[in-house]
């Protein structure tokens, strides 16, 4: 049973290696489309990160406002 398993694994590894000599042939139009897709994805991710930063900034401001309203007339002393 072990030998069959080893034989199957060896066959799979050899089959995977048989495609190593092939190279990916990309035409200029495909290369341009891939570059455009890459730029679009990067722009979308950049916008999403900016949106998350703005949301987090708003959450922090809301938390600070709530703390200020809660302790408006109290003096807080922090002792070290």
PDB file of N, CA and C in Angstrom:
ATOM      1  N   UNK A   1       0.827  -1.192   0.000  1.00  0.00           N
ATOM      2  CA  UNK A   1       0.000   0.000   0.000  1.00  0.00           C
ATOM      3  C   UNK A   1       0.879   1.267   0.000  1.00  0.00           C
ATOM      4  N   UNK A   2       1.972   1.182   0.793  1.00  0.00           N
ATOM      5  CA  UNK A   2       2.876   2.323   0.845  1.00  0.00           C
ATOM      6  C   UNK A   2       3.520   2.584  -0.509  1.00  0.00           C
ATOM      7  N   UNK A   3       3.890   1.506  -1.179  1.00  0.00           N
ATOM      8  CA  UNK A   3       4.555   1.645  -2.475  1.00  0.00           C
ATOM      9  C   UNK A   3       3.630   2.270  -3.511  1.00  0.00           C
ATOM     10  N   UNK A   4       2.361   1.929  -3.438  1.00  0.00           N
ATOM     11  CA  UNK A   4       1.402   2.522  -4.381  1.00  0.00           C
ATOM     12  C   UNK A   4       1.282   4.019  -4.126  1.00  0.00           C
ATOM     13  N   UNK A   5       1.239   4.387  -2.842  1.00  0.00           N
ATOM     14  CA  UNK A   5       1.160   5.812  -2.487  1.00  0.00           C
ATOM     15  C   UNK A   5       2.372   6.575  -2.977  1.00  0.00           C
ATOM     16  N   UNK A   6       3.548   6.005  -2.757  1.00  0.00           N
ATOM     17  CA  UNK A   6       4.775   6.656  -3.233  1.00  0.00           C
ATOM     18  C   UNK A   6       4.786   6.763  -4.749  1.00  0.00           C
ATOM     19  N   UNK A   7       4.309   5.736  -5.423  1.00  0.00           N
ATOM     20  CA  UNK A   7       4.273   5.750  -6.884  1.00  0.00           C
ATOM     21  C   UNK A   7       3.329   6.831  -7.401  1.00  0.00           C
ATOM     22  N   UNK A   8       2.179   6.980  -6.736  1.00  0.00           N
ATOM     23  CA  UNK A   8       1.233   8.022  -7.153  1.00  0.00           C
ATOM     24  C   UNK A   8       1.797   9.417  -6.927  1.00  0.00           C
ATOM     25  N   UNK A   9       2.442   9.604  -5.791  1.00  0.00           N
ATOM     26  CA  UNK A   9       3.048  10.915  -5.506  1.00  0.00           C
ATOM     27  C   UNK A   9       4.160  11.212  -6.502  1.00  0.00           C
ATOM     28  N   UNK A  10       4.988  10.235  -6.793  1.00  0.00           N
ATOM     29  CA  UNK A  10       6.073  10.426  -7.762  1.00  0.00           C
ATOM     30  C   UNK A  10       5.518  10.741  -9.144  1.00  0.00           C
ATOM     31  N   UNK A  11       4.444  10.051  -9.540  1.00  0.00           N
ATOM     32  CA  UNK A  11       3.841  10.318 -10.848  1.00  0.00           C
ATOM     33  C   UNK A  11       3.273  11.731 -10.904  1.00  0.00           C
ATOM     34  N   UNK A  12       2.650  12.166  -9.811  1.00  0.00           N
ATOM     35  CA  UNK A  12       2.098  13.522  -9.778  1.00  0.00           C
ATOM     36  C   UNK A  12       3.206  14.564  -9.868  1.00  0.00           C
ATOM     37  N   UNK A  13       4.301  14.327  -9.151  1.00  0.00           N
ATOM     38  CA  UNK A  13       5.419  15.277  -9.201  1.00  0.00           C
ATOM     39  C   UNK A  13       6.048  15.328 -10.587  1.00  0.00           C
ATOM     40  N   UNK A  14       6.208  14.178 -11.201  1.00  0.00           N
ATOM     41  CA  UNK A  14       6.782  14.160 -12.544  1.00  0.00           C
ATOM     42  C   UNK A  14       5.849  14.807 -13.561  1.00  0.00           C
ATOM     43  N   UNK A  15       4.560  14.603 -13.399  1.00  0.00           N
ATOM     44  CA  UNK A  15       3.603  15.226 -14.312  1.00  0.00           C
ATOM     45  C   UNK A  15       3.636  16.741 -14.160  1.00  0.00           C
ATOM     46  N   UNK A  16       3.790  17.212 -12.938  1.00  0.00           N
ATOM     47  CA  UNK A  16       3.869  18.654 -12.707  1.00  0.00           C
ATOM     48  C   UNK A  16       5.121  19.256 -13.291  1.00  0.00           C
ATOM     49  N   UNK A  17       6.209  18.508 -13.290  1.00  0.00           N
ATOM     50  CA  UNK A  17       7.466  19.016 -13.814  1.00  0.00           C
ATOM     51  C   UNK A  17       7.492  19.041 -15.339  1.00  0.00           C
ATOM     52  N   UNK A  18       6.648  18.291 -15.983  1.00  0.00           N
ATOM     53  CA  UNK A  18       6.697  18.216 -17.437  1.00  0.00           C
ATOM     54  C   UNK A  18       6.250  19.505 -18.104  1.00  0.00           C
ATOM     55  N   UNK A  19       5.575  20.399 -17.364  1.00  0.00           N
ATOM     56  CA  UNK A  19       5.126  21.665 -17.945  1.00  0.00           C
ATOM     57  C   UNK A  19       6.093  22.807 -17.657  1.00  0.00           C
ATOM     58  N   UNK A  20       7.203  22.521 -16.974  1.00  0.00           N
ATOM     59  CA  UNK A  20       8.131  23.574 -16.586  1.00  0.00           C
ATOM     60  C   UNK A  20       8.861  24.221 -17.737  1.00  0.00           C
ATOM     61  N   UNK A  21       8.989  23.555 -18.846  1.00  0.00           N
ATOM     62  CA  UNK A  21       9.734  24.103 -19.971  1.00  0.00           C
ATOM     63  C   UNK A  21       8.907  25.085 -20.796  1.00  0.00           C
ATOM     64  N   UNK A  22       7.602  25.109 -20.573  1.00  0.00           N
ATOM     65  CA  UNK A  22       6.729  25.985 -21.366  1.00  0.00           C
ATOM     66  C   UNK A  22       6.756  27.401 -20.791  1.00  0.00           C
ATOM     67  N   UNK A  23       6.698  28.365 -21.666  1.00  0.00           N
ATOM     68  CA  UNK A  23       6.650  29.762 -21.236  1.00  0.00           C
ATOM     69  C   UNK A  23       5.305  30.355 -21.630  1.00  0.00           C
ATOM     70  N   UNK A  24       4.906  31.353 -20.889  1.00  0.00           N
ATOM     71  CA  UNK A  24       3.632  32.012 -21.131  1.00  0.00           C
ATOM     72  C   UNK A  24       3.816  33.046 -22.238  1.00  0.00           C
ATOM     73  N   UNK A  25       3.101  32.871 -23.312  1.00  0.00           N
ATOM     74  CA  UNK A  25       3.179  33.808 -24.434  1.00  0.00           C
ATOM     75  C   UNK A  25       2.027  34.799 -24.317  1.00  0.00           C
ATOM     76  N   UNK A  26       2.378  36.064 -24.088  1.00  0.00           N
ATOM     77  CA  UNK A  26       1.364  37.105 -23.903  1.00  0.00           C
ATOM     78  C   UNK A  26       1.508  38.108 -25.042  1.00  0.00           C
ATOM     79  N   UNK A  27       0.401  38.402 -25.669  1.00  0.00           N
ATOM     80  CA  UNK A  27       0.435  39.403 -26.736  1.00  0.00           C
ATOM     81  C   UNK A  27       0.443  40.800 -26.121  1.00  0.00           C
ATOM     82  N   UNK A  28       0.727  41.785 -26.942  1.00  0.00           N
ATOM     83  CA  UNK A  28       0.769  43.165 -26.458  1.00  0.00           C
ATOM     84  C   UNK A  28      -0.593  43.621 -25.953  1.00  0.00           C
ATOM     85  N   UNK A  29      -1.650  43.205 -26.628  1.00  0.00           N
ATOM     86  CA  UNK A  29      -2.991  43.609 -26.184  1.00  0.00           C
ATOM     87  C   UNK A  29      -3.336  42.956 -24.847  1.00  0.00           C
ATOM     88  N   UNK A  30      -2.930  41.697 -24.676  1.00  0.00           N
ATOM     89  CA  UNK A  30      -3.168  41.043 -23.390  1.00  0.00           C
ATOM     90  C   UNK A  30      -2.352  41.697 -22.287  1.00  0.00           C
ATOM     91  N   UNK A  31      -1.112  42.039 -22.597  1.00  0.00           N
ATOM     92  CA  UNK A  31      -0.254  42.701 -21.613  1.00  0.00           C
ATOM     93  C   UNK A  31      -0.852  44.052 -21.213  1.00  0.00           C
ATOM     94  N   UNK A  32      -1.363  44.805 -22.184  1.00  0.00           N
ATOM     95  CA  UNK A  32      -1.982  46.100 -21.888  1.00  0.00           C
ATOM     96  C   UNK A  32      -3.250  45.912 -21.053  1.00  0.00           C
ATOM     97  N   UNK A  33      -4.046  44.894 -21.382  1.00  0.00           N
ATOM     98  CA  UNK A  33      -5.270  44.634 -20.610  1.00  0.00           C
ATOM     99  C   UNK A  33      -4.932  44.233 -19.182  1.00  0.00           C
ATOM    100  N   UNK A  34      -3.878  43.414 -19.018  1.00  0.00           N
ATOM    101  CA  UNK A  34      -3.460  43.007 -17.673  1.00  0.00           C
ATOM    102  C   UNK A  34      -2.961  44.204 -16.870  1.00  0.00           C
ATOM    103  N   UNK A  35      -2.209  45.086 -17.513  1.00  0.00           N
ATOM    104  CA  UNK A  35      -1.711  46.276 -16.823  1.00  0.00           C
ATOM    105  C   UNK A  35      -2.867  47.190 -16.422  1.00  0.00           C
ATOM    106  N   UNK A  36      -3.844  47.353 -17.310  1.00  0.00           N
ATOM    107  CA  UNK A  36      -5.008  48.184 -16.999  1.00  0.00           C
ATOM    108  C   UNK A  36      -5.813  47.583 -15.849  1.00  0.00           C
ATOM    109  N   UNK A  37      -5.987  46.273 -15.873  1.00  0.00           N
ATOM    110  CA  UNK A  37      -6.696  45.602 -14.768  1.00  0.00           C
ATOM    111  C   UNK A  37      -5.943  45.780 -13.458  1.00  0.00           C
ATOM    112  N   UNK A  38      -4.638  45.675 -13.519  1.00  0.00           N
ATOM    113  CA  UNK A  38      -3.824  45.847 -12.319  1.00  0.00           C
ATOM    114  C   UNK A  38      -3.960  47.261 -11.765  1.00  0.00           C
ATOM    115  N   UNK A  39      -3.902  48.258 -12.652  1.00  0.00           N
ATOM    116  CA  UNK A  39      -4.070  49.649 -12.206  1.00  0.00           C
ATOM    117  C   UNK A  39      -5.459  49.875 -11.610  1.00  0.00           C
ATOM    118  N   UNK A  40      -6.470  49.284 -12.236  1.00  0.00           N
ATOM    119  CA  UNK A  40      -7.842  49.455 -11.744  1.00  0.00           C
ATOM    120  C   UNK A  40      -7.987  48.833 -10.355  1.00  0.00           C
ATOM    121  N   UNK A  41      -7.431  47.650 -10.172  1.00  0.00           N
ATOM    122  CA  UNK A  41      -7.513  46.984  -8.871  1.00  0.00           C
ATOM    123  C   UNK A  41      -6.767  47.791  -7.818  1.00  0.00           C
ATOM    124  N   UNK A  42      -5.590  48.294  -8.164  1.00  0.00           N
ATOM    125  CA  UNK A  42      -4.822  49.104  -7.211  1.00  0.00           C
ATOM    126  C   UNK A  42      -5.569  50.373  -6.844  1.00  0.00           C
ATOM    127  N   UNK A  43      -6.195  51.025  -7.825  1.00  0.00           N
ATOM    128  CA  UNK A  43      -6.972  52.233  -7.548  1.00  0.00           C
ATOM    129  C   UNK A  43      -8.168  51.924  -6.647  1.00  0.00           C
ATOM    130  N   UNK A  44      -8.846  50.799  -6.921  1.00  0.00           N
ATOM    131  CA  UNK A  44      -9.986  50.413  -6.088  1.00  0.00           C
ATOM    132  C   UNK A  44      -9.552  50.115  -4.661  1.00  0.00           C
ATOM    133  N   UNK A  45      -8.431  49.408  -4.518  1.00  0.00           N
ATOM    134  CA  UNK A  45      -7.930  49.096  -3.175  1.00  0.00           C
ATOM    135  C   UNK A  45      -7.502  50.360  -2.444  1.00  0.00           C
ATOM    136  N   UNK A  46      -6.879  51.285  -3.160  1.00  0.00           N
ATOM    137  CA  UNK A  46      -6.461  52.550  -2.542  1.00  0.00           C
ATOM    138  C   UNK A  46      -7.676  53.332  -2.057  1.00  0.00           C
ATOM    139  N   UNK A  47      -8.728  53.363  -2.870  1.00  0.00           N
ATOM    140  CA  UNK A  47      -9.951  54.074  -2.474  1.00  0.00           C
ATOM    141  C   UNK A  47     -10.603  53.394  -1.278  1.00  0.00           C
ATOM    142  N   UNK A  48     -10.587  52.072  -1.260  1.00  0.00           N
ATOM    143  CA  UNK A  48     -11.182  51.347  -0.136  1.00  0.00           C
ATOM    144  C   UNK A  48     -10.410  51.605   1.157  1.00  0.00           C
ATOM    145  N   UNK A  49      -9.075  51.630   1.071  1.00  0.00           N
ATOM    146  CA  UNK A  49      -8.269  51.929   2.263  1.00  0.00           C
ATOM    147  C   UNK A  49      -8.539  53.339   2.753  1.00  0.00           C
ATOM    148  N   UNK A  50      -8.670  54.293   1.837  1.00  0.00           N
ATOM    149  CA  UNK A  50      -8.958  55.675   2.224  1.00  0.00           C
ATOM    150  C   UNK A  50     -10.331  55.756   2.900  1.00  0.00           C
ATOM    151  N   UNK A  51     -11.282  55.016   2.383  1.00  0.00           N
ATOM    152  CA  UNK A  51     -12.613  55.006   2.982  1.00  0.00           C
ATOM    153  C   UNK A  51     -12.574  54.414   4.396  1.00  0.00           C
ATOM    154  N   UNK A  52     -11.818  53.332   4.573  1.00  0.00           N
ATOM    155  CA  UNK A  52     -11.694  52.731   5.911  1.00  0.00           C
ATOM    156  C   UNK A  52     -11.006  53.687   6.876  1.00  0.00           C
ATOM    157  N   UNK A  53      -9.974  54.410   6.395  1.00  0.00           N
ATOM    158  CA  UNK A  53      -9.301  55.380   7.266  1.00  0.00           C
ATOM    159  C   UNK A  53     -10.266  56.488   7.675  1.00  0.00           C
ATOM    160  N   UNK A  54     -11.066  56.964   6.733  1.00  0.00           N
ATOM    161  CA  UNK A  54     -12.025  58.027   7.040  1.00  0.00           C
ATOM    162  C   UNK A  54     -13.073  57.533   8.037  1.00  0.00           C
ATOM    163  N   UNK A  55     -13.535  56.297   7.862  1.00  0.00           N
ATOM    164  CA  UNK A  55     -14.516  55.745   8.801  1.00  0.00           C
ATOM    165  C   UNK A  55     -13.914  55.609  10.189  1.00  0.00           C
ATOM    166  N   UNK A  56     -12.675  55.114  10.268  1.00  0.00           N
ATOM    167  CA  UNK A  56     -12.013  54.956  11.564  1.00  0.00           C
ATOM    168  C   UNK A  56     -11.780  56.321  12.215  1.00  0.00           C
ATOM    169  N   UNK A  57     -11.402  57.311  11.415  1.00  0.00           N
ATOM    170  CA  UNK A  57     -11.200  58.654  11.949  1.00  0.00           C
ATOM    171  C   UNK A  57     -12.510  59.198  12.517  1.00  0.00           C
ATOM    172  N   UNK A  58     -13.617  58.961  11.803  1.00  0.00           N
ATOM    173  CA  UNK A  58     -14.921  59.420  12.286  1.00  0.00           C
ATOM    174  C   UNK A  58     -15.312  58.698  13.577  1.00  0.00           C
ATOM    175  N   UNK A  59     -15.033  57.391  13.652  1.00  0.00           N
ATOM    176  CA  UNK A  59     -15.316  56.649  14.878  1.00  0.00           C
ATOM    177  C   UNK A  59     -14.522  57.213  16.056  1.00  0.00           C
ATOM    178  N   UNK A  60     -13.245  57.538  15.819  1.00  0.00           N
ATOM    179  CA  UNK A  60     -12.417  58.099  16.885  1.00  0.00           C
ATOM    180  C   UNK A  60     -12.952  59.452  17.330  1.00  0.00           C
ATOM    181  N   UNK A  61     -13.392  60.258  16.380  1.00  0.00           N
ATOM    182  CA  UNK A  61     -13.945  61.567  16.726  1.00  0.00           C
ATOM    183  C   UNK A  61     -15.250  61.411  17.510  1.00  0.00           C
ATOM    184  N   UNK A  62     -16.076  60.444  17.120  1.00  0.00           N
ATOM    185  CA  UNK A  62     -17.315  60.190  17.851  1.00  0.00           C
ATOM    186  C   UNK A  62     -17.033  59.724  19.272  1.00  0.00           C
ATOM    187  N   UNK A  63     -16.034  58.860  19.436  1.00  0.00           N
ATOM    188  CA  UNK A  63     -15.662  58.394  20.771  1.00  0.00           C
ATOM    189  C   UNK A  63     -15.141  59.548  21.624  1.00  0.00           C
ATOM    190  N   UNK A  64     -14.302  60.387  21.045  1.00  0.00           N
ATOM    191  CA  UNK A  64     -13.773  61.534  21.779  1.00  0.00           C
ATOM    192  C   UNK A  64     -14.893  62.488  22.162  1.00  0.00           C
ATOM    193  N   UNK A  65     -15.836  62.702  21.257  1.00  0.00           N
ATOM    194  CA  UNK A  65     -16.979  63.572  21.553  1.00  0.00           C
ATOM    195  C   UNK A  65     -17.816  62.997  22.687  1.00  0.00           C
ATOM    196  N   UNK A  66     -18.041  61.682  22.680  1.00  0.00           N
ATOM    197  CA  UNK A  66     -18.822  61.047  23.745  1.00  0.00           C
ATOM    198  C   UNK A  66     -18.103  61.174  25.086  1.00  0.00           C
ATOM    199  N   UNK A  67     -16.779  61.011  25.079  1.00  0.00           N
ATOM    200  CA  UNK A  67     -16.011  61.156  26.326  1.00  0.00           C
ATOM    201  C   UNK A  67     -16.093  62.594  26.812  1.00  0.00           C
ATOM    202  N   UNK A  68     -15.950  63.553  25.908  1.00  0.00           N
ATOM    203  CA  UNK A  68     -16.029  64.964  26.303  1.00  0.00           C
ATOM    204  C   UNK A  68     -17.403  65.308  26.867  1.00  0.00           C
ATOM    205  N   UNK A  69     -18.467  64.772  26.279  1.00  0.00           N
ATOM    206  CA  UNK A  69     -19.810  65.041  26.805  1.00  0.00           C
ATOM    207  C   UNK A  69     -20.007  64.375  28.161  1.00  0.00           C
ATOM    208  N   UNK A  70     -19.442  63.191  28.343  1.00  0.00           N
ATOM    209  CA  UNK A  70     -19.618  62.474  29.605  1.00  0.00           C
ATOM    210  C   UNK A  70     -18.870  63.151  30.742  1.00  0.00           C
ATOM    211  N   UNK A  71     -17.697  63.700  30.466  1.00  0.00           N
ATOM    212  CA  UNK A  71     -16.874  64.300  31.515  1.00  0.00           C
ATOM    213  C   UNK A  71     -16.756  65.808  31.362  1.00  0.00           C
ATOM    214  N   UNK A  72     -17.786  66.440  30.834  1.00  0.00           N
ATOM    215  CA  UNK A  72     -17.708  67.861  30.499  1.00  0.00           C
ATOM    216  C   UNK A  72     -17.367  68.727  31.711  1.00  0.00           C
ATOM    217  N   UNK A  73     -18.053  68.536  32.810  1.00  0.00           N
ATOM    218  CA  UNK A  73     -17.872  69.418  33.971  1.00  0.00           C
ATOM    219  C   UNK A  73     -16.970  68.814  35.030  1.00  0.00           C
ATOM    220  N   UNK A  74     -16.383  67.700  34.780  1.00  0.00           N
ATOM    221  CA  UNK A  74     -15.529  67.055  35.777  1.00  0.00           C
ATOM    222  C   UNK A  74     -14.070  67.298  35.438  1.00  0.00           C
ATOM    223  N   UNK A  75     -13.305  67.425  36.473  1.00  0.00           N
ATOM    224  CA  UNK A  75     -11.869  67.516  36.285  1.00  0.00           C
ATOM    225  C   UNK A  75     -11.278  66.129  36.492  1.00  0.00           C
ATOM    226  N   UNK A  76     -10.414  65.747  35.592  1.00  0.00           N
ATOM    227  CA  UNK A  76      -9.805  64.424  35.648  1.00  0.00           C
ATOM    228  C   UNK A  76      -8.316  64.617  35.885  1.00  0.00           C
ATOM    229  N   UNK A  77      -7.832  63.965  36.911  1.00  0.00           N
ATOM    230  CA  UNK A  77      -6.421  64.033  37.235  1.00  0.00           C
ATOM    231  C   UNK A  77      -5.813  62.650  37.023  1.00  0.00           C
ATOM    232  N   UNK A  78      -4.755  62.597  36.282  1.00  0.00           N
ATOM    233  CA  UNK A  78      -4.065  61.335  36.056  1.00  0.00           C
ATOM    234  C   UNK A  78      -2.788  61.364  36.871  1.00  0.00           C
ATOM    235  N   UNK A  79      -2.705  60.450  37.827  1.00  0.00           N
ATOM    236  CA  UNK A  79      -1.539  60.380  38.693  1.00  0.00           C
ATOM    237  C   UNK A  79      -0.587  59.327  38.179  1.00  0.00           C
ATOM    238  N   UNK A  80       0.656  59.687  38.140  1.00  0.00           N
ATOM    239  CA  UNK A  80       1.664  58.733  37.677  1.00  0.00           C
ATOM    240  C   UNK A  80       2.305  58.060  38.858  1.00  0.00           C
TER     241      UNK A  80
END
